[in-house]
N, C-alpha and C. Protein backbone atom coordinates (compact mmCIF):
# COMPACT_ATOMS: atom_id res chain seq x y z
N MET A 1 0.59 -1.30 0.15
CA MET A 1 0.03 0.05 -0.32
C MET A 1 0.96 1.16 -0.04
N MET A 2 0.70 2.26 -0.82
CA MET A 2 1.07 3.45 -0.81
C MET A 2 0.63 4.45 0.06
N TYR A 3 1.57 5.10 0.88
CA TYR A 3 1.36 6.03 1.38
C TYR A 3 1.31 7.61 1.03
N LYS A 4 0.64 8.61 1.47
CA LYS A 4 0.90 10.08 1.54
C LYS A 4 1.27 10.88 2.53
N LEU A 5 1.84 11.41 2.55
CA LEU A 5 1.94 12.72 3.25
C LEU A 5 0.95 13.75 2.97
N HIS A 6 -0.02 14.61 3.86
CA HIS A 6 -0.66 15.66 3.54
C HIS A 6 -0.49 16.73 4.71
N PRO A 7 0.46 17.44 4.08
CA PRO A 7 1.46 18.45 4.78
C PRO A 7 0.00 19.35 5.58
N LEU A 8 0.33 20.33 6.33
CA LEU A 8 -0.90 21.38 6.53
C LEU A 8 -0.63 22.62 5.65
N SER A 9 -1.82 23.56 5.65
CA SER A 9 -1.83 24.55 4.74
C SER A 9 -0.46 25.17 5.20
N GLY A 10 0.22 25.90 4.37
CA GLY A 10 1.21 26.76 4.70
C GLY A 10 2.80 25.88 4.77
N VAL A 11 2.82 24.92 4.80
CA VAL A 11 4.01 24.15 4.92
C VAL A 11 5.07 24.43 3.62
N ASP A 12 4.68 24.40 2.62
CA ASP A 12 5.60 24.88 1.56
C ASP A 12 6.17 26.14 1.71
N ASP A 13 5.37 27.36 2.33
CA ASP A 13 6.11 28.33 2.48
C ASP A 13 7.03 28.54 3.22
N ASP A 14 6.68 27.83 4.63
CA ASP A 14 7.42 27.49 5.83
C ASP A 14 8.78 26.93 5.11
N ILE A 15 8.76 25.96 4.26
CA ILE A 15 9.94 25.00 3.77
C ILE A 15 10.93 26.12 2.87
N SER A 16 10.08 26.94 2.10
CA SER A 16 10.86 27.98 1.47
C SER A 16 11.53 29.21 1.98
N GLY A 17 10.79 29.50 2.91
CA GLY A 17 11.19 30.34 3.84
C GLY A 17 12.98 29.86 5.01
N ALA A 18 12.51 28.56 5.16
CA ALA A 18 13.78 27.99 5.65
C ALA A 18 15.07 27.79 5.01
N VAL A 19 14.58 27.59 3.51
CA VAL A 19 15.95 27.23 2.54
C VAL A 19 16.40 28.74 2.37
N GLU A 20 15.68 29.57 2.32
CA GLU A 20 16.15 30.96 2.20
C GLU A 20 16.90 31.27 3.33
N TRP A 21 16.75 31.35 4.40
CA TRP A 21 17.46 31.41 5.77
C TRP A 21 18.56 30.73 5.70
N TYR A 22 18.45 29.52 5.60
CA TYR A 22 19.78 28.69 5.60
C TYR A 22 20.87 28.85 4.53
N GLU A 23 20.20 29.32 3.59
CA GLU A 23 21.12 29.62 2.43
C GLU A 23 22.05 31.05 2.48
N SER A 24 21.20 31.95 3.23
CA SER A 24 21.62 33.18 3.53
C SER A 24 22.62 33.12 4.48
N GLN A 25 22.70 32.15 5.43
CA GLN A 25 23.64 31.86 6.62
C GLN A 25 24.89 31.34 6.12
N GLN A 26 24.99 30.19 5.12
CA GLN A 26 25.75 29.79 4.47
C GLN A 26 25.52 29.23 3.09
N LYS A 27 26.09 29.23 1.88
CA LYS A 27 26.10 28.94 0.47
C LYS A 27 25.84 27.62 0.77
N GLY A 28 24.73 26.63 0.15
CA GLY A 28 24.68 25.29 -0.02
C GLY A 28 23.88 25.01 1.36
N LEU A 29 23.70 25.46 2.47
CA LEU A 29 22.95 25.23 3.26
C LEU A 29 21.56 24.97 3.27
N GLY A 30 21.07 25.55 2.40
CA GLY A 30 19.47 25.56 1.96
C GLY A 30 19.29 24.49 1.21
N GLU A 31 20.09 24.09 0.56
CA GLU A 31 19.96 22.80 -0.55
C GLU A 31 20.13 21.38 0.69
N ARG A 32 21.06 21.46 1.47
CA ARG A 32 21.44 20.38 2.70
C ARG A 32 20.03 20.26 2.99
N PHE A 33 19.29 21.35 3.67
CA PHE A 33 18.16 21.59 4.18
C PHE A 33 17.04 20.68 3.53
N ILE A 34 17.16 21.24 2.19
CA ILE A 34 15.64 20.67 1.72
C ILE A 34 15.97 19.07 1.04
N ASN A 35 17.28 18.66 1.07
CA ASN A 35 17.43 17.45 1.09
C ASN A 35 17.11 16.56 1.99
N ASP A 36 17.62 17.08 3.17
CA ASP A 36 17.23 16.54 4.23
C ASP A 36 15.77 16.21 4.80
N TRP A 37 14.92 17.08 4.01
CA TRP A 37 13.45 17.33 4.49
C TRP A 37 12.85 16.17 3.58
N GLU A 38 13.45 16.03 2.02
CA GLU A 38 12.97 14.93 1.18
C GLU A 38 13.35 13.76 1.82
N SER A 39 14.32 13.67 2.09
CA SER A 39 14.85 12.36 2.55
C SER A 39 13.89 11.78 3.85
N THR A 40 13.65 12.85 4.84
CA THR A 40 12.96 12.64 6.23
C THR A 40 11.49 12.11 5.77
N ALA A 41 11.37 12.75 4.68
CA ALA A 41 9.79 12.42 4.07
C ALA A 41 9.53 11.20 3.56
N LEU A 42 10.54 10.82 2.83
CA LEU A 42 10.57 9.39 1.94
C LEU A 42 10.74 8.57 3.10
N TYR A 43 11.63 8.74 4.21
CA TYR A 43 11.41 7.54 5.38
C TYR A 43 10.28 7.53 5.90
N ILE A 44 9.77 8.52 6.08
CA ILE A 44 8.04 8.26 6.95
C ILE A 44 7.26 7.60 5.73
N LEU A 45 7.39 7.99 4.58
CA LEU A 45 6.47 7.27 3.84
C LEU A 45 6.68 5.78 3.51
N SER A 46 7.92 5.38 3.83
CA SER A 46 8.56 3.92 3.79
C SER A 46 8.51 3.08 4.82
N ASN A 47 8.43 4.09 6.27
CA ASN A 47 8.24 3.33 7.24
C ASN A 47 7.02 3.95 8.21
N PRO A 48 5.50 3.92 7.83
CA PRO A 48 4.72 4.68 8.46
C PRO A 48 4.26 4.38 9.83
N PHE A 49 4.68 3.07 9.96
CA PHE A 49 4.26 2.60 11.35
C PHE A 49 5.30 2.56 12.45
N ALA A 50 6.36 3.44 12.16
CA ALA A 50 7.40 3.47 13.15
C ALA A 50 6.98 4.93 13.89
N PHE A 51 5.83 5.42 13.66
CA PHE A 51 5.67 6.80 14.41
C PHE A 51 4.20 6.67 14.59
N SER A 52 4.10 7.54 15.86
CA SER A 52 2.98 7.88 16.27
C SER A 52 2.04 8.20 15.73
N LYS A 53 0.78 8.72 15.56
CA LYS A 53 -0.19 9.26 14.96
C LYS A 53 -0.40 10.05 16.31
N LYS A 54 -0.56 11.40 15.78
CA LYS A 54 -0.72 12.68 16.45
C LYS A 54 -1.78 13.58 16.00
N ASN A 55 -2.59 14.04 16.49
CA ASN A 55 -3.90 14.65 16.55
C ASN A 55 -3.96 16.19 16.76
């Protein structure tokens, strides 16, 4: 079964803002942040029962 992440509204804006901030601190850091975010999202999707559901 394939699972999907359902991010809350505004998450994309928050991530974009974080990427910009990290990049302003050090060149390449924003890219590392987004790569880590994507890697974490893929891990969650491939191991959905490793985490508790929060409401």
